[in-house]
Amino acid sequence: MTRDDPTGDTPINPALRRILARADGPELLELLVDGVSGADLTTLLLEVFRRRADRISPAEVMRRYRSDRFVAPAPVGFAALRRAEDVLVSALPDGFEVLVLAPVVPLATHSAVATVDPRKVIATVRGSEVAADPTNALALEASHRRALALAADPRSNMPVRLAAGQRVVRAQSFKGPGNLAHFQLFGLVTAGRDTGNRLFEHQHLTEHLRFAAQVMADIGAQDTRIGLTFLDDAPGPTLERVRHDLAGLPQVEVCEDPDRATGRGYYTGVCFKICTSIGGNRLEVGDGGFVPWSQLLTGNRKERLLISGFGVDRLAEALTTRSASDGIGD
């Protein structure tokens, strides 16, 4: 099969094949990819888009606004979204710092480390890409802080705990109601050093999951299920330790989820998925696990990173539905 990347991993896009069929198409592509510096490519693209923008009329802008799924306002109400984020922030354990993230990250942030297809994110002409998940930006900042700590003390095991809410954009097409081109996510990351006996993994996995359980309790969720998937080893003591640490939390079940298909190749060690019932609706509201990103970003194999993400729009809509069924005004 013909491919459009040197690794042979991605089938060629029909539209790209059509473009490259033009005279000098393949040579032009290679020139832009390998023969022009990043700064020169930015200069070229800025001029291209400036000229294209000069040709677009206000009527065409309006037509694009009506038809482009990336630019439409969110269907969820502001008050409900704010209420859901307040619940998330209020439940954060001590030691977490809440950041205000930039709307863009360096080019390849989502693919070089997190293995996400670059075509699923929106690249800019200035060598950056629009945020598609707050945990990616949080991982960059946490790894930067860990690198500074390691420079001062090569054996530093002081964890970095960061959180943020962010409106993100996903470029792939989603089908079905409730699947949006842009949506709000709340992310947590904990970065630190492997101290042996899986102490880092046990401590911080429990902390992230206890946070999730607290959020579900605070929004009035019922029958929360935390499904743990063990990717490298048998469940062993980790599953029982998490069950023990979360024992006594109302409406929370911790179970093994060996059949999970998503996240394999993305997470390492242990990952989890959180489902719950709000206002009679069964929802998947959270996802997370351990990833090797901080090892790659710091160049240190002893580094560990745990991430969690929560769909704020889904929580907000569920809260709105529950309020309506309870007869409570927004």
C-alpha atoms as a PDB file:
ATOM      1  CA  MET A   1       0.000   0.000   0.000  1.00  0.00           C
ATOM      2  CA  THR A   2       1.213   3.480  -0.827  1.00  0.00           C
ATOM      3  CA  ARG A   3       2.090   5.498   2.282  1.00  0.00           C
ATOM      4  CA  ASP A   4       2.552   9.204   2.902  1.00  0.00           C
ATOM      5  CA  ASP A   5       5.067   8.939   5.738  1.00  0.00           C
ATOM      6  CA  PRO A   6       8.571   7.481   5.812  1.00  0.00           C
ATOM      7  CA  THR A   7       7.726   4.978   8.559  1.00  0.00           C
ATOM      8  CA  GLY A   8       5.024   3.324   6.482  1.00  0.00           C
ATOM      9  CA  ASP A   9       2.548   3.488   9.346  1.00  0.00           C
ATOM     10  CA  THR A  10      -0.115   5.741   7.841  1.00  0.00           C
ATOM     11  CA  PRO A  11      -2.144   5.003   4.685  1.00  0.00           C
ATOM     12  CA  ILE A  12      -1.936   7.845   2.191  1.00  0.00           C
ATOM     13  CA  ASN A  13      -4.777  10.331   2.272  1.00  0.00           C
ATOM     14  CA  PRO A  14      -6.755  10.407  -1.019  1.00  0.00           C
ATOM     15  CA  ALA A  15      -6.795  14.208  -1.002  1.00  0.00           C
ATOM     16  CA  LEU A  16      -3.030  14.287  -0.512  1.00  0.00           C
ATOM     17  CA  ARG A  17      -2.581  11.817  -3.372  1.00  0.00           C
ATOM     18  CA  ARG A  18      -4.607  14.123  -5.623  1.00  0.00           C
ATOM     19  CA  ILE A  19      -2.508  17.151  -4.622  1.00  0.00           C
ATOM     20  CA  LEU A  20       0.771  15.320  -5.123  1.00  0.00           C
ATOM     21  CA  ALA A  21      -0.352  14.185  -8.580  1.00  0.00           C
ATOM     22  CA  ARG A  22       0.119  17.747  -9.773  1.00  0.00           C
ATOM     23  CA  ALA A  23       3.406  18.754 -11.353  1.00  0.00           C
ATOM     24  CA  ASP A  24       6.223  18.858  -8.809  1.00  0.00           C
ATOM     25  CA  GLY A  25       3.794  17.774  -6.076  1.00  0.00           C
ATOM     26  CA  PRO A  26       6.027  15.177  -4.380  1.00  0.00           C
ATOM     27  CA  GLU A  27       9.084  17.386  -4.735  1.00  0.00           C
ATOM     28  CA  LEU A  28       7.207  20.324  -3.234  1.00  0.00           C
ATOM     29  CA  LEU A  29       6.102  18.228  -0.259  1.00  0.00           C
ATOM     30  CA  GLU A  30       9.649  17.032   0.402  1.00  0.00           C
ATOM     31  CA  LEU A  31      10.923  20.601   0.097  1.00  0.00           C
ATOM     32  CA  LEU A  32       8.430  21.864   2.678  1.00  0.00           C
ATOM     33  CA  VAL A  33       9.077  18.967   5.044  1.00  0.00           C
ATOM     34  CA  ASP A  34      12.872  18.701   4.877  1.00  0.00           C
ATOM     35  CA  GLY A  35      14.264  21.530   2.735  1.00  0.00           C
ATOM     36  CA  VAL A  36      12.949  24.590   4.573  1.00  0.00           C
ATOM     37  CA  SER A  37      13.784  25.675   8.116  1.00  0.00           C
ATOM     38  CA  GLY A  38      11.004  25.972  10.649  1.00  0.00           C
ATOM     39  CA  ALA A  39      11.267  29.763  10.679  1.00  0.00           C
ATOM     40  CA  ASP A  40      11.158  29.993   6.885  1.00  0.00           C
ATOM     41  CA  LEU A  41       8.190  27.625   6.694  1.00  0.00           C
ATOM     42  CA  THR A  42       6.315  29.789   9.210  1.00  0.00           C
ATOM     43  CA  THR A  43       7.057  32.885   7.134  1.00  0.00           C
ATOM     44  CA  LEU A  44       5.797  31.164   3.998  1.00  0.00           C
ATOM     45  CA  LEU A  45       2.607  29.850   5.583  1.00  0.00           C
ATOM     46  CA  LEU A  46       1.807  33.169   7.234  1.00  0.00           C
ATOM     47  CA  GLU A  47       1.961  34.836   3.818  1.00  0.00           C
ATOM     48  CA  VAL A  48      -0.158  32.091   2.247  1.00  0.00           C
ATOM     49  CA  PHE A  49      -2.876  32.470   4.864  1.00  0.00           C
ATOM     50  CA  ARG A  50      -2.651  36.262   4.786  1.00  0.00           C
ATOM     51  CA  ARG A  51      -3.379  36.211   1.064  1.00  0.00           C
ATOM     52  CA  ARG A  52      -6.172  33.690   1.483  1.00  0.00           C
ATOM     53  CA  ALA A  53      -7.723  35.768   4.277  1.00  0.00           C
ATOM     54  CA  ASP A  54      -7.603  38.881   2.082  1.00  0.00           C
ATOM     55  CA  ARG A  55      -9.853  37.111  -0.430  1.00  0.00           C
ATOM     56  CA  ILE A  56     -12.506  36.045   2.062  1.00  0.00           C
ATOM     57  CA  SER A  57     -15.574  38.237   2.403  1.00  0.00           C
ATOM     58  CA  PRO A  58     -17.614  38.759   5.595  1.00  0.00           C
ATOM     59  CA  ALA A  59     -20.390  36.689   3.996  1.00  0.00           C
ATOM     60  CA  GLU A  60     -17.972  33.786   3.556  1.00  0.00           C
ATOM     61  CA  VAL A  61     -16.856  34.109   7.171  1.00  0.00           C
ATOM     62  CA  MET A  62     -20.513  33.883   8.218  1.00  0.00           C
ATOM     63  CA  ARG A  63     -21.063  30.841   6.017  1.00  0.00           C
ATOM     64  CA  ARG A  64     -18.031  29.148   7.557  1.00  0.00           C
ATOM     65  CA  TYR A  65     -19.241  29.982  11.051  1.00  0.00           C
ATOM     66  CA  ARG A  66     -22.574  28.311  10.342  1.00  0.00           C
ATOM     67  CA  SER A  67     -21.004  25.136   8.944  1.00  0.00           C
ATOM     68  CA  ASP A  68     -17.694  24.604  10.769  1.00  0.00           C
ATOM     69  CA  ARG A  69     -18.094  22.247  13.732  1.00  0.00           C
ATOM     70  CA  PHE A  70     -14.893  23.552  15.333  1.00  0.00           C
ATOM     71  CA  VAL A  71     -16.171  27.102  15.884  1.00  0.00           C
ATOM     72  CA  ALA A  72     -19.740  26.607  17.162  1.00  0.00           C
ATOM     73  CA  PRO A  73     -20.432  27.468  20.811  1.00  0.00           C
ATOM     74  CA  ALA A  74     -20.654  24.562  23.230  1.00  0.00           C
ATOM     75  CA  PRO A  75     -24.165  23.188  23.816  1.00  0.00           C
ATOM     76  CA  VAL A  76     -23.585  22.906  27.559  1.00  0.00           C
ATOM     77  CA  GLY A  77     -24.546  25.925  29.665  1.00  0.00           C
ATOM     78  CA  PHE A  78     -21.890  28.110  31.271  1.00  0.00           C
ATOM     79  CA  ALA A  79     -23.394  27.877  34.768  1.00  0.00           C
ATOM     80  CA  ALA A  80     -23.504  24.075  34.675  1.00  0.00           C
ATOM     81  CA  LEU A  81     -19.947  23.902  33.332  1.00  0.00           C
ATOM     82  CA  ARG A  82     -18.714  26.242  36.034  1.00  0.00           C
ATOM     83  CA  ARG A  83     -20.524  24.251  38.711  1.00  0.00           C
ATOM     84  CA  ALA A  84     -18.919  21.009  37.554  1.00  0.00           C
ATOM     85  CA  GLU A  85     -15.439  22.573  37.501  1.00  0.00           C
ATOM     86  CA  ASP A  86     -15.978  23.983  41.003  1.00  0.00           C
ATOM     87  CA  VAL A  87     -16.746  20.466  42.248  1.00  0.00           C
ATOM     88  CA  LEU A  88     -13.568  19.134  40.641  1.00  0.00           C
ATOM     89  CA  VAL A  89     -11.324  21.876  42.028  1.00  0.00           C
ATOM     90  CA  SER A  90     -12.848  21.644  45.507  1.00  0.00           C
ATOM     91  CA  ALA A  91     -12.122  17.904  45.657  1.00  0.00           C
ATOM     92  CA  LEU A  92      -8.412  18.223  44.809  1.00  0.00           C
ATOM     93  CA  PRO A  93      -6.117  16.720  47.449  1.00  0.00           C
ATOM     94  CA  ASP A  94      -3.691  18.966  49.279  1.00  0.00           C
ATOM     95  CA  GLY A  95      -0.505  19.564  47.347  1.00  0.00           C
ATOM     96  CA  PHE A  96      -2.036  19.958  43.884  1.00  0.00           C
ATOM     97  CA  GLU A  97      -1.365  23.245  42.114  1.00  0.00           C
ATOM     98  CA  VAL A  98      -4.008  24.401  39.641  1.00  0.00           C
ATOM     99  CA  LEU A  99      -2.536  25.984  36.514  1.00  0.00           C
ATOM    100  CA  VAL A 100      -4.034  28.159  33.786  1.00  0.00           C
ATOM    101  CA  LEU A 101      -2.762  26.470  30.631  1.00  0.00           C
ATOM    102  CA  ALA A 102      -2.049  28.106  27.288  1.00  0.00           C
ATOM    103  CA  PRO A 103      -4.448  27.146  24.468  1.00  0.00           C
ATOM    104  CA  VAL A 104      -1.556  25.820  22.356  1.00  0.00           C
ATOM    105  CA  VAL A 105       1.437  23.547  22.943  1.00  0.00           C
ATOM    106  CA  PRO A 106       4.628  22.947  20.934  1.00  0.00           C
ATOM    107  CA  LEU A 107       4.225  21.078  17.661  1.00  0.00           C
ATOM    108  CA  ALA A 108       4.316  17.267  18.175  1.00  0.00           C
ATOM    109  CA  THR A 109       3.425  17.462  21.879  1.00  0.00           C
ATOM    110  CA  HIS A 110       0.582  15.006  21.300  1.00  0.00           C
ATOM    111  CA  SER A 111       2.486  12.678  18.935  1.00  0.00           C
ATOM    112  CA  ALA A 112       6.189  12.627  19.843  1.00  0.00           C
ATOM    113  CA  VAL A 113       5.505  11.540  23.422  1.00  0.00           C
ATOM    114  CA  ALA A 114       1.826  10.613  23.681  1.00  0.00           C
ATOM    115  CA  THR A 115       1.646   8.640  20.382  1.00  0.00           C
ATOM    116  CA  VAL A 116      -1.440  10.462  19.081  1.00  0.00           C
ATOM    117  CA  ASP A 117      -1.794  10.705  15.284  1.00  0.00           C
ATOM    118  CA  PRO A 118      -0.881  14.329  14.367  1.00  0.00           C
ATOM    119  CA  ARG A 119      -3.927  14.469  12.097  1.00  0.00           C
ATOM    120  CA  LYS A 120      -6.167  14.228  15.161  1.00  0.00           C
ATOM    121  CA  VAL A 121      -4.956  17.609  16.434  1.00  0.00           C
ATOM    122  CA  ILE A 122      -5.032  21.081  14.860  1.00  0.00           C
ATOM    123  CA  ALA A 123      -1.592  22.369  13.925  1.00  0.00           C
ATOM    124  CA  THR A 124      -0.917  26.098  13.581  1.00  0.00           C
ATOM    125  CA  VAL A 125       1.301  27.889  11.093  1.00  0.00           C
ATOM    126  CA  ARG A 126       3.566  29.029  13.942  1.00  0.00           C
ATOM    127  CA  GLY A 127       4.985  25.635  14.864  1.00  0.00           C
ATOM    128  CA  SER A 128       2.472  24.812  17.581  1.00  0.00           C
ATOM    129  CA  GLU A 129      -0.755  22.832  17.877  1.00  0.00           C
ATOM    130  CA  VAL A 130      -4.061  23.481  19.596  1.00  0.00           C
ATOM    131  CA  ALA A 131      -4.440  21.677  22.910  1.00  0.00           C
ATOM    132  CA  ALA A 132      -6.206  18.319  22.629  1.00  0.00           C
ATOM    133  CA  ASP A 133      -5.755  17.157  26.238  1.00  0.00           C
ATOM    134  CA  PRO A 134      -4.652  19.115  29.329  1.00  0.00           C
ATOM    135  CA  THR A 135      -2.564  16.200  30.607  1.00  0.00           C
ATOM    136  CA  ASN A 136      -0.103  16.716  27.740  1.00  0.00           C
ATOM    137  CA  ALA A 137       0.644  20.316  28.720  1.00  0.00           C
ATOM    138  CA  LEU A 138       0.643  19.384  32.406  1.00  0.00           C
ATOM    139  CA  ALA A 139       3.145  16.624  31.657  1.00  0.00           C
ATOM    140  CA  LEU A 140       5.451  19.126  29.957  1.00  0.00           C
ATOM    141  CA  GLU A 141       5.333  21.458  32.955  1.00  0.00           C
ATOM    142  CA  ALA A 142       5.697  18.644  35.491  1.00  0.00           C
ATOM    143  CA  SER A 143       8.674  17.195  33.591  1.00  0.00           C
ATOM    144  CA  HIS A 144      10.262  20.647  33.406  1.00  0.00           C
ATOM    145  CA  ARG A 145       9.928  21.027  37.168  1.00  0.00           C
ATOM    146  CA  ARG A 146      11.231  17.524  37.786  1.00  0.00           C
ATOM    147  CA  ALA A 147      14.226  18.223  35.516  1.00  0.00           C
ATOM    148  CA  LEU A 148      15.060  21.318  37.580  1.00  0.00           C
ATOM    149  CA  ALA A 149      14.758  19.286  40.787  1.00  0.00           C
ATOM    150  CA  LEU A 150      17.011  16.555  39.378  1.00  0.00           C
ATOM    151  CA  ALA A 151      19.581  19.132  38.314  1.00  0.00           C
ATOM    152  CA  ALA A 152      19.761  20.335  41.916  1.00  0.00           C
ATOM    153  CA  ASP A 153      19.628  16.832  43.388  1.00  0.00           C
ATOM    154  CA  PRO A 154      20.008  13.804  41.049  1.00  0.00           C
ATOM    155  CA  ARG A 155      18.106  11.627  43.546  1.00  0.00           C
ATOM    156  CA  SER A 156      15.257  14.057  44.241  1.00  0.00           C
ATOM    157  CA  ASN A 157      11.999  12.206  44.834  1.00  0.00           C
ATOM    158  CA  MET A 158       9.821  15.253  45.521  1.00  0.00           C
ATOM    159  CA  PRO A 159       6.609  14.696  43.535  1.00  0.00           C
ATOM    160  CA  VAL A 160       5.074  17.373  41.327  1.00  0.00           C
ATOM    161  CA  ARG A 161       1.270  17.513  41.462  1.00  0.00           C
ATOM    162  CA  LEU A 162      -0.520  19.665  38.886  1.00  0.00           C
ATOM    163  CA  ALA A 163      -4.110  20.105  37.701  1.00  0.00           C
ATOM    164  CA  ALA A 164      -5.940  22.219  35.156  1.00  0.00           C
ATOM    165  CA  GLY A 165      -9.200  22.606  33.293  1.00  0.00           C
ATOM    166  CA  GLN A 166      -8.915  23.313  29.579  1.00  0.00           C
ATOM    167  CA  ARG A 167     -11.151  23.643  26.514  1.00  0.00           C
ATOM    168  CA  VAL A 168      -9.628  21.247  23.990  1.00  0.00           C
ATOM    169  CA  VAL A 169     -10.151  20.418  20.328  1.00  0.00           C
ATOM    170  CA  ARG A 170     -10.052  17.020  18.620  1.00  0.00           C
ATOM    171  CA  ALA A 171      -9.806  17.023  14.835  1.00  0.00           C
ATOM    172  CA  GLN A 172     -11.067  13.510  14.152  1.00  0.00           C
ATOM    173  CA  SER A 173     -14.757  13.070  13.322  1.00  0.00           C
ATOM    174  CA  PHE A 174     -16.952  11.758  16.126  1.00  0.00           C
ATOM    175  CA  LYS A 175     -20.310  10.140  15.533  1.00  0.00           C
ATOM    176  CA  GLY A 176     -23.376  10.198  17.743  1.00  0.00           C
ATOM    177  CA  PRO A 177     -24.907  12.738  20.122  1.00  0.00           C
ATOM    178  CA  GLY A 178     -22.697  14.228  22.804  1.00  0.00           C
ATOM    179  CA  ASN A 179     -19.505  13.800  20.762  1.00  0.00           C
ATOM    180  CA  LEU A 180     -18.150  17.306  20.248  1.00  0.00           C
ATOM    181  CA  ALA A 181     -15.294  18.856  18.286  1.00  0.00           C
ATOM    182  CA  HIS A 182     -14.338  20.898  21.345  1.00  0.00           C
ATOM    183  CA  PHE A 183     -15.051  20.193  24.987  1.00  0.00           C
ATOM    184  CA  GLN A 184     -13.802  20.854  28.507  1.00  0.00           C
ATOM    185  CA  LEU A 185     -11.462  18.420  30.241  1.00  0.00           C
ATOM    186  CA  PHE A 186     -10.084  18.524  33.757  1.00  0.00           C
ATOM    187  CA  GLY A 187      -6.698  16.884  34.076  1.00  0.00           C
ATOM    188  CA  LEU A 188      -4.374  15.819  36.888  1.00  0.00           C
ATOM    189  CA  VAL A 189      -0.758  14.683  36.699  1.00  0.00           C
ATOM    190  CA  THR A 190       1.631  13.468  39.353  1.00  0.00           C
ATOM    191  CA  ALA A 191       5.298  13.215  38.415  1.00  0.00           C
ATOM    192  CA  GLY A 192       8.071  11.819  40.573  1.00  0.00           C
ATOM    193  CA  ARG A 193      10.810   9.252  41.021  1.00  0.00           C
ATOM    194  CA  ASP A 194      10.551   5.488  41.294  1.00  0.00           C
ATOM    195  CA  THR A 195      11.492   4.751  44.915  1.00  0.00           C
ATOM    196  CA  GLY A 196      11.171   0.979  44.685  1.00  0.00           C
ATOM    197  CA  ASN A 197       8.539  -1.616  45.629  1.00  0.00           C
ATOM    198  CA  ARG A 198       5.988   0.278  43.493  1.00  0.00           C
ATOM    199  CA  LEU A 199       5.523   2.757  46.340  1.00  0.00           C
ATOM    200  CA  PHE A 200       5.083   5.676  43.921  1.00  0.00           C
ATOM    201  CA  GLU A 201       2.507   3.754  41.887  1.00  0.00           C
ATOM    202  CA  HIS A 202       0.477   2.610  44.897  1.00  0.00           C
ATOM    203  CA  GLN A 203       0.441   5.958  46.698  1.00  0.00           C
ATOM    204  CA  HIS A 204      -0.455   8.177  43.782  1.00  0.00           C
ATOM    205  CA  LEU A 205      -2.837   5.794  42.037  1.00  0.00           C
ATOM    206  CA  THR A 206      -4.849   5.673  45.255  1.00  0.00           C
ATOM    207  CA  GLU A 207      -4.721   9.468  45.502  1.00  0.00           C
ATOM    208  CA  HIS A 208      -6.065   9.975  41.962  1.00  0.00           C
ATOM    209  CA  LEU A 209      -8.795   7.375  42.423  1.00  0.00           C
ATOM    210  CA  ARG A 210      -9.855   8.732  45.804  1.00  0.00           C
ATOM    211  CA  PHE A 211     -10.153  12.167  44.173  1.00  0.00           C
ATOM    212  CA  ALA A 212     -12.353  10.687  41.453  1.00  0.00           C
ATOM    213  CA  ALA A 213     -14.546   8.928  44.008  1.00  0.00           C
ATOM    214  CA  GLN A 214     -14.905  12.149  46.006  1.00  0.00           C
ATOM    215  CA  VAL A 215     -15.969  14.076  42.900  1.00  0.00           C
ATOM    216  CA  MET A 216     -18.605  11.468  42.076  1.00  0.00           C
ATOM    217  CA  ALA A 217     -19.940  11.637  45.634  1.00  0.00           C
ATOM    218  CA  ASP A 218     -20.037  15.434  45.560  1.00  0.00           C
ATOM    219  CA  ILE A 219     -22.127  15.548  42.378  1.00  0.00           C
ATOM    220  CA  GLY A 220     -24.555  12.971  43.705  1.00  0.00           C
ATOM    221  CA  ALA A 221     -23.486  10.083  41.462  1.00  0.00           C
ATOM    222  CA  GLN A 222     -24.467   6.525  42.237  1.00  0.00           C
ATOM    223  CA  ASP A 223     -22.928   3.137  41.560  1.00  0.00           C
ATOM    224  CA  THR A 224     -19.506   4.475  40.591  1.00  0.00           C
ATOM    225  CA  ARG A 225     -17.339   1.776  39.054  1.00  0.00           C
ATOM    226  CA  ILE A 226     -13.547   2.096  38.896  1.00  0.00           C
ATOM    227  CA  GLY A 227     -12.221  -0.467  36.452  1.00  0.00           C
ATOM    228  CA  LEU A 228      -8.489  -1.228  36.701  1.00  0.00           C
ATOM    229  CA  THR A 229      -6.608  -2.773  33.778  1.00  0.00           C
ATOM    230  CA  PHE A 230      -3.175  -4.271  34.400  1.00  0.00           C
ATOM    231  CA  LEU A 231      -1.166  -4.075  31.188  1.00  0.00           C
ATOM    232  CA  ASP A 232       2.203  -5.506  32.219  1.00  0.00           C
ATOM    233  CA  ASP A 233       1.689  -7.689  35.286  1.00  0.00           C
ATOM    234  CA  ALA A 234      -1.005  -9.680  37.018  1.00  0.00           C
ATOM    235  CA  PRO A 235      -3.206  -7.639  39.381  1.00  0.00           C
ATOM    236  CA  GLY A 236      -1.445  -9.017  42.436  1.00  0.00           C
ATOM    237  CA  PRO A 237      -1.292  -6.742  45.471  1.00  0.00           C
ATOM    238  CA  THR A 238      -2.097  -3.530  43.564  1.00  0.00           C
ATOM    239  CA  LEU A 239      -5.779  -4.372  43.053  1.00  0.00           C
ATOM    240  CA  GLU A 240      -6.244  -5.473  46.647  1.00  0.00           C
ATOM    241  CA  ARG A 241      -4.383  -2.436  47.982  1.00  0.00           C
ATOM    242  CA  VAL A 242      -6.556  -0.040  46.000  1.00  0.00           C
ATOM    243  CA  ARG A 243      -9.678  -1.850  47.152  1.00  0.00           C
ATOM    244  CA  HIS A 244      -8.456  -1.616  50.743  1.00  0.00           C
ATOM    245  CA  ASP A 245      -7.573   2.068  50.484  1.00  0.00           C
ATOM    246  CA  LEU A 246     -10.940   2.957  48.941  1.00  0.00           C
ATOM    247  CA  ALA A 247     -12.980   0.680  51.195  1.00  0.00           C
ATOM    248  CA  GLY A 248     -15.776   2.467  52.987  1.00  0.00           C
ATOM    249  CA  LEU A 249     -16.392   5.028  50.244  1.00  0.00           C
ATOM    250  CA  PRO A 250     -20.120   4.968  49.497  1.00  0.00           C
ATOM    251  CA  GLN A 251     -21.388   3.938  46.074  1.00  0.00           C
ATOM    252  CA  VAL A 252     -17.873   2.995  44.800  1.00  0.00           C
ATOM    253  CA  GLU A 253     -16.837  -0.375  43.391  1.00  0.00           C
ATOM    254  CA  VAL A 254     -13.229  -1.175  42.451  1.00  0.00           C
ATOM    255  CA  CYS A 255     -12.903  -4.067  40.037  1.00  0.00           C
ATOM    256  CA  GLU A 256     -10.543  -5.541  37.478  1.00  0.00           C
ATOM    257  CA  ASP A 257     -11.217  -4.727  33.812  1.00  0.00           C
ATOM    258  CA  PRO A 258      -9.007  -7.153  31.837  1.00  0.00           C
ATOM    259  CA  ASP A 259     -10.991  -6.823  28.597  1.00  0.00           C
ATOM    260  CA  ARG A 260     -10.418  -3.103  28.114  1.00  0.00           C
ATOM    261  CA  ALA A 261      -9.342  -2.502  24.512  1.00  0.00           C
ATOM    262  CA  THR A 262      -8.621   1.242  24.497  1.00  0.00           C
ATOM    263  CA  GLY A 263      -5.445   2.741  25.933  1.00  0.00           C
ATOM    264  CA  ARG A 264      -3.161  -0.198  25.168  1.00  0.00           C
ATOM    265  CA  GLY A 265       0.071   1.212  23.768  1.00  0.00           C
ATOM    266  CA  TYR A 266      -0.784   4.566  25.369  1.00  0.00           C
ATOM    267  CA  TYR A 267      -0.693   3.606  29.046  1.00  0.00           C
ATOM    268  CA  THR A 268       1.870   1.386  30.769  1.00  0.00           C
ATOM    269  CA  GLY A 269       1.524  -0.708  33.903  1.00  0.00           C
ATOM    270  CA  VAL A 270      -1.945   0.195  35.150  1.00  0.00           C
ATOM    271  CA  CYS A 271      -4.766   2.231  33.666  1.00  0.00           C
ATOM    272  CA  PHE A 272      -8.305   2.875  34.822  1.00  0.00           C
ATOM    273  CA  LYS A 273     -11.707   3.938  33.614  1.00  0.00           C
ATOM    274  CA  ILE A 274     -14.454   5.512  35.725  1.00  0.00           C
ATOM    275  CA  CYS A 275     -18.151   5.035  35.009  1.00  0.00           C
ATOM    276  CA  THR A 276     -21.041   6.255  37.112  1.00  0.00           C
ATOM    277  CA  SER A 277     -24.784   6.947  37.150  1.00  0.00           C
ATOM    278  CA  ILE A 278     -26.148  10.481  37.436  1.00  0.00           C
ATOM    279  CA  GLY A 279     -29.834  11.257  37.165  1.00  0.00           C
ATOM    280  CA  GLY A 280     -30.501   7.771  35.827  1.00  0.00           C
ATOM    281  CA  ASN A 281     -27.898   8.078  33.042  1.00  0.00           C
ATOM    282  CA  ARG A 282     -24.895   5.756  32.908  1.00  0.00           C
ATOM    283  CA  LEU A 283     -21.786   7.723  31.892  1.00  0.00           C
ATOM    284  CA  GLU A 284     -18.079   7.216  31.340  1.00  0.00           C
ATOM    285  CA  VAL A 285     -16.616  10.288  33.058  1.00  0.00           C
ATOM    286  CA  GLY A 286     -12.932   9.631  33.718  1.00  0.00           C
ATOM    287  CA  ASP A 287      -9.869   7.856  32.419  1.00  0.00           C
ATOM    288  CA  GLY A 288      -6.213   7.662  33.377  1.00  0.00           C
ATOM    289  CA  GLY A 289      -3.137   5.622  34.084  1.00  0.00           C
ATOM    290  CA  PHE A 290       0.639   5.583  34.059  1.00  0.00           C
ATOM    291  CA  VAL A 291       2.490   6.840  30.971  1.00  0.00           C
ATOM    292  CA  PRO A 292       6.220   6.956  30.063  1.00  0.00           C
ATOM    293  CA  TRP A 293       6.148  10.612  28.997  1.00  0.00           C
ATOM    294  CA  SER A 294       8.267  12.021  31.835  1.00  0.00           C
ATOM    295  CA  GLN A 295      10.967   9.424  31.168  1.00  0.00           C
ATOM    296  CA  LEU A 296      11.134  10.574  27.547  1.00  0.00           C
ATOM    297  CA  LEU A 297      10.946  14.284  28.378  1.00  0.00           C
ATOM    298  CA  THR A 298      13.613  14.210  31.111  1.00  0.00           C
ATOM    299  CA  GLY A 299      15.764  11.412  29.692  1.00  0.00           C
ATOM    300  CA  ASN A 300      15.602   9.647  33.056  1.00  0.00           C
ATOM    301  CA  ARG A 301      14.249   6.080  33.243  1.00  0.00           C
ATOM    302  CA  LYS A 302      13.569   6.395  36.972  1.00  0.00           C
ATOM    303  CA  GLU A 303      10.889   9.031  36.424  1.00  0.00           C
ATOM    304  CA  ARG A 304       7.230   8.103  36.800  1.00  0.00           C
ATOM    305  CA  LEU A 305       4.078   9.909  35.641  1.00  0.00           C
ATOM    306  CA  LEU A 306       0.413   9.294  36.423  1.00  0.00           C
ATOM    307  CA  ILE A 307      -2.328  11.153  34.535  1.00  0.00           C
ATOM    308  CA  SER A 308      -6.099  11.443  34.961  1.00  0.00           C
ATOM    309  CA  GLY A 309      -8.697  13.155  32.801  1.00  0.00           C
ATOM    310  CA  PHE A 310     -12.372  13.938  33.431  1.00  0.00           C
ATOM    311  CA  GLY A 311     -15.044  15.055  30.961  1.00  0.00           C
ATOM    312  CA  VAL A 312     -16.396  18.291  32.418  1.00  0.00           C
ATOM    313  CA  ASP A 313     -19.099  18.710  29.752  1.00  0.00           C
ATOM    314  CA  ARG A 314     -20.506  15.279  30.591  1.00  0.00           C
ATOM    315  CA  LEU A 315     -20.497  16.039  34.295  1.00  0.00           C
ATOM    316  CA  ALA A 316     -22.145  19.412  33.649  1.00  0.00           C
ATOM    317  CA  GLU A 317     -24.875  17.919  31.476  1.00  0.00           C
ATOM    318  CA  ALA A 318     -25.498  15.205  34.039  1.00  0.00           C
ATOM    319  CA  LEU A 319     -25.750  17.786  36.799  1.00  0.00           C
ATOM    320  CA  THR A 320     -28.238  19.771  34.718  1.00  0.00           C
ATOM    321  CA  THR A 321     -30.326  16.658  34.094  1.00  0.00           C
ATOM    322  CA  ARG A 322     -30.279  15.750  37.762  1.00  0.00           C
ATOM    323  CA  SER A 323     -31.243  19.288  38.794  1.00  0.00           C
ATOM    324  CA  ALA A 324     -34.153  19.265  36.349  1.00  0.00           C
ATOM    325  CA  SER A 325     -35.396  15.899  37.614  1.00  0.00           C
ATOM    326  CA  ASP A 326     -35.123  17.144  41.205  1.00  0.00           C
ATOM    327  CA  GLY A 327     -36.976  20.334  40.347  1.00  0.00           C
ATOM    328  CA  ILE A 328     -33.972  22.559  41.062  1.00  0.00           C
ATOM    329  CA  GLY A 329     -33.392  25.626  38.881  1.00  0.00           C
ATOM    330  CA  ASP A 330     -30.071  26.149  37.102  1.00  0.00           C
END
